[in-house]
Amino acid sequence: MVTRRPSQKRGHANHGWLDSYHTFSFADYYDPKHMGFRHLRVINEDRVQPSRGFGTHAHHDMEIITYVLEGSLEHRDSMGNQSIIVPGDVQRMSAGTGVTHSEYNPSHTEPVHLLQIWILPEKKGLSPSYQQWLFQPEEKRGALRLIGSRGGRDGSVTVHQDVDLFAALLESGELVRHTLPRGRHAWLQVVDGAVALNGTLLFAGDGAAVSDEDRLEITASKSSEVLLFDLA
């Protein structure tokens, strides 16, 4: 069963410096029907204006993945990490017992467009940790490239949960397939473009929950970018 989560049905908050769409309940947006999916808790699509950002704030017991689509994002945290995140990078921060961080658009002229993803960890009280890997476009072109996993296999970032996260860049007419073992579920997020997931049409900003399916077929109808979460 494929259940579409339309882009236009997401929560929305425009703070001037930040324009944000929430796939699941977040901050002042609350919908008891959309509190997350399996261990996936947040998918926020954010646009941050030049020279603006999120001041220092705290997190705990959450796996936080940042995926920049356009522009760049400067990150600083209480673990001593300081970095610039650009398209192709996947940043994973495990908040664990507690971490503070800030995120800032270092450009004076260009906004930054990103996805912020939160996944509930498999257990509480982990030691805070950080990773940031660059995945070249060629790795994702026409294929589902593993970018995050429980064990950090195949060069992916380590996520402390039973989840595999894939990214793909597809041209019009390209098809990728993914097998779901019995008892597993999936979430597909369309970052850009338009695709059909097992025949269900999805457009930029749309998501789709998948249960009781053993095979996924994702076909692009135009140049597209997708994220696929394989979840327990």
Protein backbone atom coordinates (compact mmCIF):
# COMPACT_ATOMS: atom_id res chain seq x y z
CA MET A 1 0.00 0.00 0.00
CA VAL A 2 1.32 3.42 -1.01
CA THR A 3 -0.11 6.44 0.80
CA ARG A 4 0.74 9.82 -0.71
CA ARG A 5 1.52 12.79 1.55
CA PRO A 6 0.91 15.77 -0.80
CA SER A 7 3.31 18.68 -0.66
CA GLN A 8 0.49 21.22 -0.36
CA LYS A 9 -0.92 19.45 2.71
CA ARG A 10 2.27 19.90 4.72
CA GLY A 11 2.50 22.30 7.62
CA HIS A 12 3.92 25.71 6.70
CA ALA A 13 5.61 28.47 8.68
CA ASN A 14 7.08 31.63 7.15
CA HIS A 15 9.14 33.66 9.61
CA GLY A 16 10.59 35.99 7.00
CA TRP A 17 14.17 34.80 7.42
CA LEU A 18 12.97 31.15 7.36
CA ASP A 19 10.35 29.59 5.10
CA SER A 20 9.66 26.03 6.25
CA TYR A 21 7.39 23.17 5.20
CA HIS A 22 6.79 20.33 7.66
CA THR A 23 5.95 16.83 6.43
CA PHE A 24 5.20 15.80 10.02
CA SER A 25 4.03 17.69 13.11
CA PHE A 26 6.69 20.15 14.20
CA ALA A 27 6.83 23.23 16.44
CA ASP A 28 3.50 25.08 16.13
CA TYR A 29 2.22 22.72 13.44
CA TYR A 30 0.36 19.80 15.00
CA ASP A 31 -1.58 17.11 13.15
CA PRO A 32 -2.20 13.89 15.12
CA LYS A 33 -2.49 12.00 11.81
CA HIS A 34 1.03 13.03 10.83
CA MET A 35 3.33 12.60 13.81
CA GLY A 36 6.00 10.73 11.84
CA PHE A 37 6.34 7.36 10.15
CA ARG A 38 7.94 4.44 11.97
CA HIS A 39 11.21 5.86 13.40
CA LEU A 40 11.15 8.80 10.99
CA ARG A 41 10.06 11.84 12.99
CA VAL A 42 10.81 15.04 10.99
CA ILE A 43 11.28 16.03 7.37
CA ASN A 44 11.44 19.82 7.16
CA GLU A 45 12.08 21.61 3.87
CA ASP A 46 13.72 24.90 4.84
CA ARG A 47 14.78 28.01 2.96
CA VAL A 48 16.98 30.35 4.98
CA GLN A 49 17.62 33.89 3.81
CA PRO A 50 21.17 35.26 3.31
CA SER A 51 23.14 36.01 6.48
CA ARG A 52 20.44 34.48 8.68
CA GLY A 53 20.10 31.20 10.53
CA PHE A 54 19.26 29.20 13.62
CA GLY A 55 20.97 30.46 16.76
CA THR A 56 22.54 28.11 19.27
CA HIS A 57 19.96 25.61 20.51
CA ALA A 58 19.92 22.21 22.17
CA HIS A 59 18.90 18.68 21.14
CA HIS A 60 19.02 15.29 22.80
CA ASP A 61 18.22 11.69 21.86
CA MET A 62 17.75 12.33 18.14
CA GLU A 63 19.56 11.42 14.92
CA ILE A 64 19.64 14.62 12.84
CA ILE A 65 20.50 14.52 9.14
CA THR A 66 21.03 17.68 7.09
CA TYR A 67 20.80 17.47 3.29
CA VAL A 68 21.51 20.73 1.44
CA LEU A 69 19.86 21.19 -1.95
CA GLU A 70 21.07 24.68 -2.94
CA GLY A 71 23.48 27.12 -1.34
CA SER A 72 25.51 26.38 1.76
CA LEU A 73 24.97 26.06 5.50
CA GLU A 74 27.52 26.77 8.23
CA HIS A 75 27.39 24.42 11.23
CA ARG A 76 28.96 24.84 14.70
CA ASP A 77 28.36 22.60 17.71
CA SER A 78 29.37 21.97 21.30
CA MET A 79 31.47 18.96 20.22
CA GLY A 80 33.86 21.39 18.54
CA ASN A 81 32.75 20.74 14.97
CA GLN A 82 32.69 23.63 12.51
CA SER A 83 31.85 22.97 8.87
CA ILE A 84 30.18 24.22 5.71
CA ILE A 85 27.53 21.86 4.29
CA VAL A 86 26.97 22.06 0.50
CA PRO A 87 24.92 20.05 -2.02
CA GLY A 88 26.17 16.46 -2.09
CA ASP A 89 27.09 16.47 1.58
CA VAL A 90 25.22 14.36 4.10
CA GLN A 91 25.67 15.53 7.69
CA ARG A 92 24.62 13.31 10.59
CA MET A 93 24.61 14.53 14.15
CA SER A 94 23.65 12.17 16.98
CA ALA A 95 22.40 14.40 19.78
CA GLY A 96 22.44 11.59 22.36
CA THR A 97 22.86 12.81 25.92
CA GLY A 98 22.79 16.40 24.71
CA VAL A 99 24.40 18.77 22.22
CA THR A 100 24.04 22.42 21.27
CA HIS A 101 24.57 23.72 17.76
CA SER A 102 23.87 26.60 15.39
CA GLU A 103 23.19 26.68 11.66
CA TYR A 104 23.77 29.79 9.58
CA ASN A 105 23.61 30.81 5.94
CA PRO A 106 27.08 32.28 5.32
CA SER A 107 26.14 33.85 1.96
CA HIS A 108 25.32 37.54 1.86
CA THR A 109 23.33 37.19 -1.38
CA GLU A 110 21.95 33.67 -1.86
CA PRO A 111 19.39 31.73 0.23
CA VAL A 112 20.10 28.16 1.30
CA HIS A 113 17.58 25.40 0.58
CA LEU A 114 17.82 22.23 2.66
CA LEU A 115 16.07 19.25 4.16
CA GLN A 116 16.38 18.61 7.87
CA ILE A 117 15.56 15.03 8.85
CA TRP A 118 15.14 13.65 12.36
CA ILE A 119 15.14 9.93 13.16
CA LEU A 120 14.46 8.50 16.61
CA PRO A 121 17.54 6.57 17.83
CA GLU A 122 17.40 2.91 18.78
CA LYS A 123 18.22 3.79 22.38
CA LYS A 124 18.52 6.87 24.55
CA GLY A 125 21.66 8.18 26.18
CA LEU A 126 24.11 7.69 23.31
CA SER A 127 27.30 9.71 23.27
CA PRO A 128 26.93 12.70 20.94
CA SER A 129 28.76 12.24 17.63
CA TYR A 130 29.11 13.79 14.18
CA GLN A 131 29.80 12.77 10.59
CA GLN A 132 29.78 14.60 7.27
CA TRP A 133 30.41 12.75 4.00
CA LEU A 134 30.35 14.03 0.42
CA PHE A 135 28.55 11.89 -2.18
CA GLN A 136 29.31 12.79 -5.78
CA PRO A 137 26.38 13.15 -8.22
CA GLU A 138 27.75 10.25 -10.28
CA GLU A 139 27.19 7.91 -7.33
CA LYS A 140 23.48 8.73 -7.25
CA ARG A 141 22.80 9.04 -10.96
CA GLY A 142 20.38 6.36 -12.13
CA ALA A 143 20.83 4.38 -8.92
CA LEU A 144 19.78 4.25 -5.28
CA ARG A 145 22.99 5.18 -3.44
CA LEU A 146 23.10 4.24 0.24
CA ILE A 147 23.93 7.45 2.14
CA GLY A 148 22.95 6.46 5.70
CA SER A 149 22.68 3.14 7.55
CA ARG A 150 22.83 1.58 11.00
CA GLY A 151 26.34 0.21 10.49
CA GLY A 152 27.65 2.91 8.16
CA ARG A 153 28.19 0.32 5.46
CA ASP A 154 29.27 1.03 1.89
CA GLY A 155 30.69 4.39 2.89
CA SER A 156 27.41 5.77 4.26
CA VAL A 157 27.05 7.85 7.41
CA THR A 158 26.16 5.90 10.54
CA VAL A 159 22.59 6.27 11.82
CA HIS A 160 21.86 4.77 15.23
CA GLN A 161 18.62 3.12 14.14
CA ASP A 162 17.52 0.24 11.91
CA VAL A 163 17.16 2.37 8.79
CA ASP A 164 18.73 2.52 5.35
CA LEU A 165 18.62 5.90 3.62
CA PHE A 166 19.17 6.07 -0.14
CA ALA A 167 19.43 8.98 -2.58
CA ALA A 168 18.93 8.88 -6.35
CA LEU A 169 19.19 11.29 -9.26
CA LEU A 170 16.99 10.17 -12.15
CA GLU A 171 16.48 11.41 -15.68
CA SER A 172 13.13 11.24 -17.46
CA GLY A 173 12.16 7.63 -18.06
CA GLU A 174 14.75 6.14 -15.70
CA LEU A 175 13.59 3.40 -13.34
CA VAL A 176 15.13 2.15 -10.09
CA ARG A 177 13.89 -0.79 -8.03
CA HIS A 178 14.16 -1.61 -4.35
CA THR A 179 13.16 -4.80 -2.52
CA LEU A 180 11.49 -4.53 0.88
CA PRO A 181 11.87 -7.62 3.07
CA ARG A 182 8.74 -8.84 4.84
CA GLY A 183 7.83 -6.65 7.79
CA ARG A 184 9.75 -3.58 6.60
CA HIS A 185 8.33 -0.26 5.48
CA ALA A 186 9.49 2.66 3.36
CA TRP A 187 9.09 6.38 2.99
CA LEU A 188 9.86 8.10 -0.32
CA GLN A 189 10.48 11.85 -0.34
CA VAL A 190 10.55 13.62 -3.70
CA VAL A 191 13.20 16.30 -3.41
CA ASP A 192 12.72 17.60 -6.96
CA GLY A 193 10.97 16.59 -10.16
CA ALA A 194 8.21 14.02 -10.50
CA VAL A 195 8.15 10.24 -10.19
CA ALA A 196 5.74 7.31 -10.11
CA LEU A 197 6.09 4.97 -7.12
CA ASN A 198 4.44 1.64 -7.93
CA GLY A 199 2.10 3.64 -10.17
CA THR A 200 1.33 6.43 -7.66
CA LEU A 201 2.30 9.84 -9.06
CA LEU A 202 4.42 12.01 -6.77
CA PHE A 203 5.71 15.52 -7.28
CA ALA A 204 8.35 17.78 -5.70
CA GLY A 205 7.73 18.05 -1.96
CA ASP A 206 5.46 15.01 -1.88
CA GLY A 207 6.17 12.06 0.36
CA ALA A 208 4.73 8.55 0.40
CA ALA A 209 4.41 5.93 3.11
CA VAL A 210 4.81 2.33 1.93
CA SER A 211 3.69 -0.77 3.83
CA ASP A 212 2.82 -4.33 2.75
CA GLU A 213 4.77 -4.04 -0.49
CA ASP A 214 7.72 -6.28 -1.31
CA ARG A 215 9.00 -4.40 -4.34
CA LEU A 216 9.27 -0.70 -5.10
CA GLU A 217 9.55 0.70 -8.61
CA ILE A 218 10.41 4.38 -8.92
CA THR A 219 10.12 5.84 -12.42
CA ALA A 220 10.98 9.47 -13.20
CA SER A 221 8.80 11.47 -15.58
CA LYS A 222 11.33 14.35 -15.58
CA SER A 223 14.72 15.03 -14.03
CA SER A 224 14.21 14.13 -10.38
CA GLU A 225 15.92 13.68 -7.04
CA VAL A 226 14.49 11.36 -4.38
CA LEU A 227 15.30 10.09 -0.90
CA LEU A 228 14.18 6.60 0.09
CA PHE A 229 14.00 5.46 3.71
CA ASP A 230 13.89 1.68 4.31
CA LEU A 231 12.53 1.35 7.87
CA ALA A 232 11.86 -1.37 10.42
